[in-house]
Amino acid sequence: MTTPGVDDAVREKPPLIEHRLHPVTPLRRAWAPVAVLIGWAVHDPDQAQRQLTRLTSTTLLIALAVLVPAAALYGFLTWWFTHFAVTDSELRIRTGLLFRRTAHIRLERIQAVDITQPLLARVAGVAKLKLDVIGTDKKDELAFLGADEARALRAELLARAAGFAPETAHEVGEAPARQLMHTPPLDLAISVVLTGATWGSLAAALVVPPLLWFATHSVWSVLATGLPLLGAAGASSVGRFVGEYDWTVGESPDGLRIDHGLLDRTHETVPPGRVQTVRIVEPLLWRRRGWVRVELDVAGSSNSVLVPVAPREVAESVIARVLPGVRVAEAAALSRPPRRAGRCMPLWWRGYGIAVTDTVFATRHGLLRRSLALVPHAKVQSVRLAQGPWKRLWGLADVHVDTGANKTVTARLRDVEEAAELLRGQAERSRTGRRDALPDRWMAS
């Protein structure tokens, strides 16, 4: 005898539909064997040079005739055996030819869904979907999907994660966004020029290789040292400008959306309620212009920049959307360490400060590059007091505040009695903050 209700539910349950990635994906996967050869050559350049000198034209042609089809076959097979599907409760990604792997990503554990488009992907009309998931350090990704398909899948995943029923998630679409700020390209270019790290990396790239040549007379040693230094100089200047070009922050029900990039376009989301720490950074050469940079620590996400450069009042208005009800502490409100702290850290002790409000634990450090960290009380996971022998001699201690993003904010060189009071008070403020905190939900109202 059968139960009609159960049989009807089984019959009406739609079959699981699996999808493949975009057909251009094999071209990306085909580079893997070539990348292995390049990695070997970089790891042992002397051996690679000797092997290349032994190759004849015939041998080289035969090697290419074998390598190119093998790389193409590898790319095709990895694409053919990769599938993904969205069920009522999870995203499944199935990969592997010889060794099968199926990833089950629970929708309620998704913290952010980002879309990135490298330059060639933009030309081909495809995009890469990256997912930040609670409990994983590395992003899962689907590369590549059609650009429209990636946006539709992102909207569906966010709708499912927000609690919408599967049958209505397709109809929800991407939530509208309201622009909060936009970084002009000229301001970004000037900020890069006025950053000390840019000039430091460039000076190292110009000075170290010639000195190494005079000391060793080895071309490989100069290249092995000079190329990384040039790469670091480029990343801190041109690379930063290209990556942060056209930086736009918008507000939507599913969090703050960040779009940026000159060559590679990236569409990121700052998950609501998951921001653990906000840092306001003021480089020395930016202060006359009143500019600041805002950085983030987000639990379960790799997003780390909120505002690359902006006037302080604009940055604070964006921070107010990330941390509702939080007021940024004024410099005059920060309490400095006692003067005897100079015996532990001469001159630089003046850059430290602390302020505790009803909503945040705020600490500042740095003289040339000031950084003010704001930690909401609800995000504090633990509080520790540390005191070495030299600090104990002068009656000083450090208070460490640990957050849910596995990061630590420290109030340094405080009077030992003040530090003990901070320790006791912060524990109580954290309990109260967690009790009154809003739920960490997508599209929470």
Protein backbone atom coordinates (compact mmCIF):
# COMPACT_ATOMS: atom_id res chain seq x y z
CA MET A 1 0.00 0.00 0.00
CA THR A 2 1.38 3.41 -0.89
CA THR A 3 0.94 6.85 0.63
CA PRO A 4 -0.43 9.28 -1.99
CA GLY A 5 1.16 12.38 -0.46
CA VAL A 6 4.65 10.88 -0.40
CA ASP A 7 4.36 9.41 -3.91
CA ASP A 8 3.14 12.73 -5.33
CA ALA A 9 6.08 14.57 -3.70
CA VAL A 10 8.54 12.08 -5.18
CA ARG A 11 6.99 12.31 -8.63
CA GLU A 12 6.82 16.10 -8.59
CA LYS A 13 10.40 16.62 -7.49
CA PRO A 14 12.23 17.94 -10.57
CA PRO A 15 15.30 16.05 -11.75
CA LEU A 16 18.71 17.49 -10.92
CA ILE A 17 19.98 19.44 -13.91
CA GLU A 18 23.75 19.62 -14.28
CA HIS A 19 25.47 22.33 -16.30
CA ARG A 20 28.86 22.57 -17.96
CA LEU A 21 31.16 25.56 -18.04
CA HIS A 22 31.50 27.81 -21.07
CA PRO A 23 33.06 26.16 -24.16
CA VAL A 24 36.08 28.51 -24.04
CA THR A 25 37.13 26.97 -20.71
CA PRO A 26 39.35 24.28 -22.35
CA LEU A 27 41.60 27.08 -23.66
CA ARG A 28 42.25 28.16 -20.07
CA ARG A 29 42.82 24.62 -18.81
CA ALA A 30 45.17 23.80 -21.69
CA TRP A 31 47.79 26.16 -20.24
CA ALA A 32 48.36 23.88 -17.21
CA PRO A 33 51.05 21.61 -18.85
CA VAL A 34 52.78 24.70 -20.27
CA ALA A 35 52.73 26.31 -16.82
CA VAL A 36 54.45 23.23 -15.37
CA LEU A 37 57.31 23.60 -17.86
CA ILE A 38 57.62 27.33 -17.14
CA GLY A 39 57.67 26.62 -13.39
CA TRP A 40 60.46 24.08 -13.84
CA ALA A 41 62.49 26.55 -15.93
CA VAL A 42 62.12 29.29 -13.30
CA HIS A 43 62.96 26.91 -10.46
CA ASP A 44 66.19 25.68 -12.11
CA PRO A 45 67.21 28.24 -14.79
CA ASP A 46 70.75 26.84 -15.27
CA GLN A 47 69.47 23.34 -16.02
CA ALA A 48 66.77 24.76 -18.31
CA GLN A 49 69.37 26.76 -20.25
CA ARG A 50 71.56 23.67 -20.73
CA GLN A 51 68.60 21.61 -21.97
CA LEU A 52 67.55 24.31 -24.44
CA THR A 53 71.05 24.54 -25.96
CA ARG A 54 70.97 20.78 -26.67
CA LEU A 55 67.69 20.91 -28.59
CA THR A 56 67.86 20.77 -32.37
CA SER A 57 65.20 22.24 -34.64
CA THR A 58 63.80 18.77 -35.38
CA THR A 59 63.60 17.85 -31.70
CA LEU A 60 61.91 21.15 -30.90
CA LEU A 61 59.28 20.64 -33.63
CA ILE A 62 58.58 17.10 -32.41
CA ALA A 63 58.23 18.34 -28.83
CA LEU A 64 55.76 21.03 -29.93
CA ALA A 65 53.84 18.49 -32.01
CA VAL A 66 53.41 16.35 -28.89
CA LEU A 67 52.94 19.14 -26.32
CA VAL A 68 50.27 21.15 -28.15
CA PRO A 69 47.82 18.25 -28.76
CA ALA A 70 48.45 16.94 -25.24
CA ALA A 71 47.66 20.33 -23.73
CA ALA A 72 44.54 20.64 -25.90
CA LEU A 73 43.37 17.16 -24.89
CA TYR A 74 43.97 17.92 -21.22
CA GLY A 75 41.95 21.13 -21.46
CA PHE A 76 39.07 19.40 -23.22
CA LEU A 77 38.87 16.49 -20.77
CA THR A 78 38.95 18.69 -17.67
CA TRP A 79 36.13 20.77 -19.17
CA TRP A 80 34.08 17.73 -20.24
CA PHE A 81 34.20 16.14 -16.78
CA THR A 82 33.34 19.33 -14.87
CA HIS A 83 29.68 19.89 -13.98
CA PHE A 84 27.77 22.03 -11.53
CA ALA A 85 24.20 22.07 -10.29
CA VAL A 86 22.10 24.07 -7.84
CA THR A 87 19.82 22.04 -5.56
CA ASP A 88 17.33 23.21 -2.96
CA SER A 89 20.05 23.52 -0.33
CA GLU A 90 23.49 23.45 -1.96
CA LEU A 91 25.70 24.13 -4.96
CA ARG A 92 27.42 20.98 -6.24
CA ILE A 93 30.60 21.12 -8.30
CA ARG A 94 31.77 17.79 -9.76
CA THR A 95 35.24 17.53 -11.32
CA GLY A 96 37.87 14.92 -12.16
CA LEU A 97 38.56 12.24 -14.76
CA LEU A 98 40.57 9.63 -12.84
CA PHE A 99 40.04 11.02 -9.35
CA ARG A 100 36.49 12.29 -8.96
CA ARG A 101 35.75 15.17 -6.59
CA THR A 102 32.35 16.57 -5.71
CA ALA A 103 32.12 19.77 -3.66
CA HIS A 104 28.86 20.29 -1.73
CA ILE A 105 28.58 23.98 -0.83
CA ARG A 106 25.72 24.72 1.53
CA LEU A 107 23.88 27.84 0.36
CA GLU A 108 23.41 29.24 3.87
CA ARG A 109 27.20 29.19 4.36
CA ILE A 110 27.91 31.38 1.34
CA GLN A 111 29.25 34.75 2.46
CA ALA A 112 30.03 36.43 -0.85
CA VAL A 113 29.67 35.71 -4.55
CA ASP A 114 32.07 37.73 -6.69
CA ILE A 115 32.34 38.04 -10.46
CA THR A 116 35.72 38.71 -12.09
CA GLN A 117 36.49 39.25 -15.75
CA PRO A 118 40.15 39.16 -16.84
CA LEU A 119 40.91 41.11 -19.99
CA LEU A 120 40.75 38.14 -22.36
CA ALA A 121 37.59 36.92 -20.63
CA ARG A 122 35.96 40.31 -21.28
CA VAL A 123 36.87 39.99 -24.95
CA ALA A 124 35.37 36.48 -25.07
CA GLY A 125 32.26 37.55 -23.13
CA VAL A 126 32.82 35.18 -20.21
CA ALA A 127 33.30 35.65 -16.47
CA LYS A 128 34.61 33.82 -13.41
CA LEU A 129 32.33 33.22 -10.42
CA LYS A 130 34.09 33.09 -7.02
CA LEU A 131 32.43 32.06 -3.76
CA ASP A 132 33.50 32.90 -0.21
CA VAL A 133 32.24 30.17 2.10
CA ILE A 134 32.38 30.00 5.89
CA GLY A 135 35.11 27.66 7.12
CA THR A 136 37.24 27.67 3.95
CA ASP A 137 40.37 29.70 3.32
CA LYS A 138 40.34 29.28 -0.45
CA LYS A 139 37.55 30.48 -2.72
CA ASP A 140 35.62 27.93 -4.74
CA GLU A 141 35.13 29.10 -8.30
CA LEU A 142 33.42 28.38 -11.59
CA ALA A 143 35.61 29.47 -14.48
CA PHE A 144 34.34 30.28 -16.97
CA LEU A 145 30.66 31.03 -17.46
CA GLY A 146 28.96 33.29 -19.95
CA ALA A 147 28.82 36.82 -18.54
CA ASP A 148 25.01 36.86 -18.44
CA GLU A 149 24.90 33.33 -17.03
CA ALA A 150 27.37 34.29 -14.27
CA ARG A 151 25.26 37.28 -13.22
CA ALA A 152 22.06 35.21 -13.25
CA LEU A 153 23.67 32.41 -11.22
CA ARG A 154 25.07 34.93 -8.73
CA ALA A 155 21.62 36.46 -8.24
CA GLU A 156 20.07 33.01 -7.78
CA LEU A 157 22.67 31.92 -5.22
CA LEU A 158 22.25 35.11 -3.20
CA ALA A 159 18.46 34.76 -3.33
CA ARG A 160 18.68 31.13 -2.16
CA ALA A 161 21.12 32.09 0.60
CA ALA A 162 18.68 34.80 1.71
CA GLY A 163 15.94 32.20 2.17
CA PHE A 164 13.91 32.60 -1.03
CA ALA A 165 12.18 29.45 -2.22
CA PRO A 166 13.88 27.64 -5.15
CA GLU A 167 10.90 28.20 -7.44
CA THR A 168 11.01 31.98 -6.87
CA ALA A 169 14.79 32.47 -6.68
CA HIS A 170 15.01 32.69 -10.49
CA GLU A 171 12.50 35.53 -10.51
CA VAL A 172 14.15 37.63 -7.80
CA GLY A 173 17.07 38.71 -9.98
CA GLU A 174 19.91 40.92 -8.83
CA ALA A 175 18.93 43.43 -6.17
CA PRO A 176 19.20 47.10 -7.23
CA ALA A 177 22.16 49.13 -5.93
CA ARG A 178 22.53 52.79 -4.98
CA GLN A 179 25.94 54.35 -5.59
CA LEU A 180 27.69 55.64 -2.46
CA MET A 181 31.02 56.76 -3.85
CA HIS A 182 33.30 56.69 -6.89
CA THR A 183 37.07 57.23 -6.96
CA PRO A 184 38.18 59.60 -9.77
CA PRO A 185 41.14 58.22 -11.78
CA LEU A 186 43.17 61.40 -11.19
CA ASP A 187 42.81 61.12 -7.41
CA LEU A 188 43.85 57.46 -7.57
CA ALA A 189 46.92 58.27 -9.68
CA ILE A 190 48.03 61.07 -7.31
CA SER A 191 47.50 58.81 -4.28
CA VAL A 192 49.72 56.13 -5.81
CA VAL A 193 52.48 58.69 -6.45
CA LEU A 194 52.19 59.99 -2.87
CA THR A 195 52.53 56.52 -1.32
CA GLY A 196 55.86 55.76 0.31
CA ALA A 197 55.74 52.05 -0.62
CA THR A 198 55.79 52.99 -4.29
CA TRP A 199 59.05 54.92 -4.01
CA GLY A 200 60.60 52.36 -1.66
CA SER A 201 59.94 49.46 -4.05
CA LEU A 202 61.19 51.48 -7.04
CA ALA A 203 64.39 52.49 -5.22
CA ALA A 204 65.08 48.86 -4.27
CA ALA A 205 64.50 47.72 -7.88
CA LEU A 206 66.99 50.33 -9.20
CA VAL A 207 69.71 49.98 -6.54
CA VAL A 208 69.89 46.29 -5.59
CA PRO A 209 70.48 44.65 -9.05
CA PRO A 210 73.56 46.82 -9.92
CA LEU A 211 75.07 46.15 -6.50
CA LEU A 212 74.45 42.43 -6.92
CA TRP A 213 76.11 42.50 -10.36
CA PHE A 214 79.26 44.12 -8.99
CA ALA A 215 79.35 41.55 -6.19
CA THR A 216 78.64 38.32 -8.13
CA HIS A 217 78.88 39.07 -11.90
CA SER A 218 76.11 36.49 -12.34
CA VAL A 219 73.32 37.34 -14.77
CA TRP A 220 71.00 34.72 -13.28
CA SER A 221 71.47 36.08 -9.75
CA VAL A 222 70.69 39.60 -10.96
CA LEU A 223 67.58 38.41 -12.83
CA ALA A 224 66.41 36.23 -9.92
CA THR A 225 66.62 39.23 -7.60
CA GLY A 226 65.82 42.11 -9.94
CA LEU A 227 62.70 40.70 -11.58
CA PRO A 228 60.81 40.15 -8.27
CA LEU A 229 61.84 43.67 -7.16
CA LEU A 230 60.60 45.15 -10.43
CA GLY A 231 57.39 43.13 -10.03
CA ALA A 232 56.92 44.49 -6.51
CA ALA A 233 57.53 48.05 -7.73
CA GLY A 234 55.03 47.57 -10.54
CA ALA A 235 52.43 46.00 -8.22
CA SER A 236 52.70 48.90 -5.76
CA SER A 237 52.29 51.54 -8.47
CA VAL A 238 50.99 50.59 -11.92
CA GLY A 239 49.43 47.35 -10.67
CA ARG A 240 47.55 49.14 -7.92
CA PHE A 241 46.29 51.84 -10.29
CA VAL A 242 45.10 49.25 -12.81
CA GLY A 243 43.47 47.09 -10.15
CA GLU A 244 41.71 49.94 -8.30
CA TYR A 245 40.74 51.95 -11.39
CA ASP A 246 37.09 53.08 -11.58
CA TRP A 247 36.46 52.01 -7.98
CA THR A 248 32.76 52.26 -7.23
CA VAL A 249 30.93 51.37 -4.01
CA GLY A 250 27.18 50.82 -4.09
CA GLU A 251 24.64 49.80 -1.48
CA SER A 252 22.11 47.02 -2.05
CA PRO A 253 19.98 44.72 0.13
CA ASP A 254 22.61 41.98 -0.18
CA GLY A 255 25.48 44.15 1.08
CA LEU A 256 27.89 46.71 -0.30
CA ARG A 257 28.91 46.09 -3.91
CA ILE A 258 32.36 47.01 -5.14
CA ASP A 259 33.22 47.28 -8.85
CA HIS A 260 36.75 48.06 -10.01
CA GLY A 261 39.49 47.30 -12.51
CA LEU A 262 40.87 48.75 -15.74
CA LEU A 263 41.88 45.55 -17.54
CA ASP A 264 40.38 42.88 -15.26
CA ARG A 265 36.93 43.89 -14.01
CA THR A 266 35.86 42.63 -10.59
CA HIS A 267 32.41 42.72 -9.02
CA GLU A 268 32.67 42.00 -5.27
CA THR A 269 30.25 42.03 -2.37
CA VAL A 270 30.95 42.93 1.25
CA PRO A 271 28.66 40.56 3.18
CA PRO A 272 26.31 42.24 5.67
CA GLY A 273 27.14 41.66 9.29
CA ARG A 274 30.43 39.86 8.54
CA VAL A 275 32.80 42.84 8.82
CA GLN A 276 35.02 42.27 11.85
CA THR A 277 37.38 45.25 11.67
CA VAL A 278 37.53 48.53 9.76
CA ARG A 279 40.89 50.33 9.41
CA ILE A 280 41.26 53.96 8.39
CA VAL A 281 44.77 54.48 6.99
CA GLU A 282 46.37 57.93 6.60
CA PRO A 283 49.74 57.98 4.80
CA LEU A 284 51.88 61.00 5.63
CA LEU A 285 51.74 62.60 2.17
CA TRP A 286 47.95 62.25 1.98
CA ARG A 287 47.17 64.34 5.05
CA ARG A 288 47.36 67.78 3.42
CA ARG A 289 44.69 66.65 0.97
CA GLY A 290 42.55 65.12 3.73
CA TRP A 291 42.59 61.69 2.07
CA VAL A 292 42.27 58.29 3.75
CA ARG A 293 42.16 54.64 2.73
CA VAL A 294 39.67 52.21 4.28
CA GLU A 295 40.53 48.53 4.69
CA LEU A 296 38.45 45.64 6.03
CA ASP A 297 38.74 42.31 7.81
CA VAL A 298 35.75 40.20 6.75
CA ALA A 299 35.02 36.78 8.24
CA GLY A 300 34.93 34.09 5.57
CA SER A 301 35.92 36.51 2.79
CA SER A 302 39.09 37.77 1.15
CA ASN A 303 37.73 41.27 0.50
CA SER A 304 40.19 43.65 2.17
CA VAL A 305 39.71 47.13 0.64
CA LEU A 306 36.56 49.21 0.95
CA VAL A 307 37.78 52.65 -0.20
CA PRO A 308 41.17 52.99 -1.99
CA VAL A 309 41.34 56.78 -1.52
CA ALA A 310 38.72 59.39 -0.61
CA PRO A 311 38.22 62.50 1.51
CA ARG A 312 37.75 61.56 5.15
CA GLU A 313 34.12 62.66 5.32
CA VAL A 314 33.24 60.52 2.27
CA ALA A 315 35.06 57.52 3.73
CA GLU A 316 33.25 57.92 7.05
CA SER A 317 29.89 58.01 5.28
CA VAL A 318 30.71 54.65 3.64
CA ILE A 319 31.90 53.22 6.97
CA ALA A 320 28.54 54.19 8.45
CA ARG A 321 26.86 51.84 5.96
CA VAL A 322 29.18 48.96 6.91
CA LEU A 323 28.96 49.53 10.67
CA PRO A 324 25.57 51.15 11.35
CA GLY A 325 25.54 53.32 14.44
CA VAL A 326 29.35 53.45 14.73
CA ARG A 327 30.96 56.87 15.02
CA VAL A 328 34.64 57.21 14.05
CA ALA A 329 36.65 58.42 17.03
CA GLU A 330 38.24 61.87 16.67
CA ALA A 331 42.00 62.19 17.16
CA ALA A 332 41.44 64.38 20.24
CA ALA A 333 39.31 61.64 21.83
CA LEU A 334 42.11 59.07 21.69
CA SER A 335 43.94 58.40 24.92
CA ARG A 336 47.74 58.23 24.54
CA PRO A 337 49.99 55.91 26.55
CA PRO A 338 51.75 57.36 29.62
CA ARG A 339 55.02 59.19 28.96
CA ARG A 340 57.08 56.39 30.47
CA ALA A 341 56.07 54.32 27.41
CA GLY A 342 58.87 56.18 25.62
CA ARG A 343 61.34 54.01 27.54
CA CYS A 344 59.97 50.97 25.75
CA MET A 345 59.49 52.57 22.33
CA PRO A 346 61.22 55.97 21.94
CA LEU A 347 59.39 58.55 19.77
CA TRP A 348 57.01 56.03 18.17
CA TRP A 349 54.97 55.68 21.37
CA ARG A 350 53.31 58.99 20.46
CA GLY A 351 51.57 57.29 17.54
CA TYR A 352 49.58 54.95 19.77
CA GLY A 353 46.12 55.77 21.07
CA ILE A 354 42.91 54.13 22.21
CA ALA A 355 39.23 54.99 22.56
CA VAL A 356 36.37 52.81 23.76
CA THR A 357 32.83 53.88 22.86
CA ASP A 358 29.44 52.24 23.29
CA THR A 359 29.84 50.49 19.94
CA VAL A 360 33.54 49.96 19.10
CA PHE A 361 36.99 49.29 20.50
CA ALA A 362 39.28 51.72 18.62
CA THR A 363 43.08 51.73 18.53
CA ARG A 364 45.56 53.81 16.54
CA HIS A 365 49.22 53.24 15.73
CA GLY A 366 51.83 54.81 13.47
CA LEU A 367 53.35 58.26 13.07
CA LEU A 368 54.18 58.39 9.37
CA ARG A 369 51.40 56.03 8.30
CA ARG A 370 48.57 56.32 10.81
CA SER A 371 46.10 53.48 11.07
CA LEU A 372 42.93 53.62 13.16
CA ALA A 373 41.27 50.21 13.73
CA LEU A 374 37.59 49.99 14.69
CA VAL A 375 36.32 46.70 16.14
CA PRO A 376 32.59 46.45 16.98
CA HIS A 377 32.14 44.97 20.46
CA ALA A 378 29.90 42.23 19.04
CA LYS A 379 32.77 40.97 16.83
CA VAL A 380 35.32 40.50 19.65
CA GLN A 381 36.01 36.80 20.18
CA SER A 382 38.57 37.02 22.99
CA VAL A 383 40.62 39.56 24.94
CA ARG A 384 44.19 38.98 26.19
CA LEU A 385 46.65 40.97 28.29
CA ALA A 386 50.37 40.58 27.48
CA GLN A 387 53.29 41.96 29.48
CA GLY A 388 56.97 41.24 28.87
CA PRO A 389 59.71 41.76 31.49
CA TRP A 390 60.73 45.23 30.21
CA LYS A 391 57.13 46.46 30.12
CA ARG A 392 56.54 44.93 33.55
CA LEU A 393 59.44 46.98 34.89
CA TRP A 394 57.73 50.22 33.79
CA GLY A 395 54.20 49.18 34.70
CA LEU A 396 52.95 48.81 31.09
CA ALA A 397 51.00 46.14 29.23
CA ASP A 398 49.38 45.40 25.86
CA VAL A 399 45.74 44.43 25.40
CA HIS A 400 45.04 42.14 22.41
CA VAL A 401 41.52 41.92 20.97
CA ASP A 402 40.91 38.89 18.70
CA THR A 403 38.18 39.01 16.04
CA GLY A 404 36.27 36.43 14.03
CA ALA A 405 38.48 36.99 10.97
CA ASN A 406 41.50 35.46 12.78
CA LYS A 407 43.00 38.93 13.13
CA THR A 408 44.14 40.82 16.23
CA VAL A 409 43.87 44.49 17.15
CA THR A 410 46.23 45.64 19.92
CA ALA A 411 46.15 48.53 22.35
CA ARG A 412 49.86 48.93 23.09
CA LEU A 413 51.82 50.42 26.00
CA ARG A 414 48.89 51.02 28.32
CA ASP A 415 49.24 51.53 32.06
CA VAL A 416 48.94 48.10 33.69
CA GLU A 417 45.93 49.08 35.81
CA GLU A 418 44.22 50.61 32.77
CA ALA A 419 44.99 47.45 30.78
CA ALA A 420 43.43 45.25 33.47
CA GLU A 421 40.32 47.43 33.48
CA LEU A 422 40.14 47.26 29.67
CA LEU A 423 40.35 43.48 29.88
CA ARG A 424 37.47 43.21 32.33
CA GLY A 425 35.31 45.86 30.66
CA GLN A 426 35.76 44.56 27.11
CA ALA A 427 34.62 41.07 28.07
CA GLU A 428 31.33 42.51 29.35
CA ARG A 429 30.91 44.86 26.36
CA SER A 430 31.42 41.93 23.96
CA ARG A 431 28.73 39.85 25.66
CA THR A 432 26.28 42.76 25.55
CA GLY A 433 27.17 43.56 21.92
CA ARG A 434 26.60 39.99 20.71
CA ARG A 435 23.24 39.88 22.47
CA ASP A 436 22.04 43.07 20.76
CA ALA A 437 23.66 42.48 17.36
CA LEU A 438 21.60 42.17 14.18
CA PRO A 439 21.49 38.75 12.49
CA ASP A 440 24.21 38.03 9.89
CA ARG A 441 21.78 37.33 7.05
CA TRP A 442 21.74 38.18 3.38
CA MET A 443 19.18 40.85 2.55
CA ALA A 444 18.28 41.11 6.24
CA SER A 445 15.88 43.95 6.92
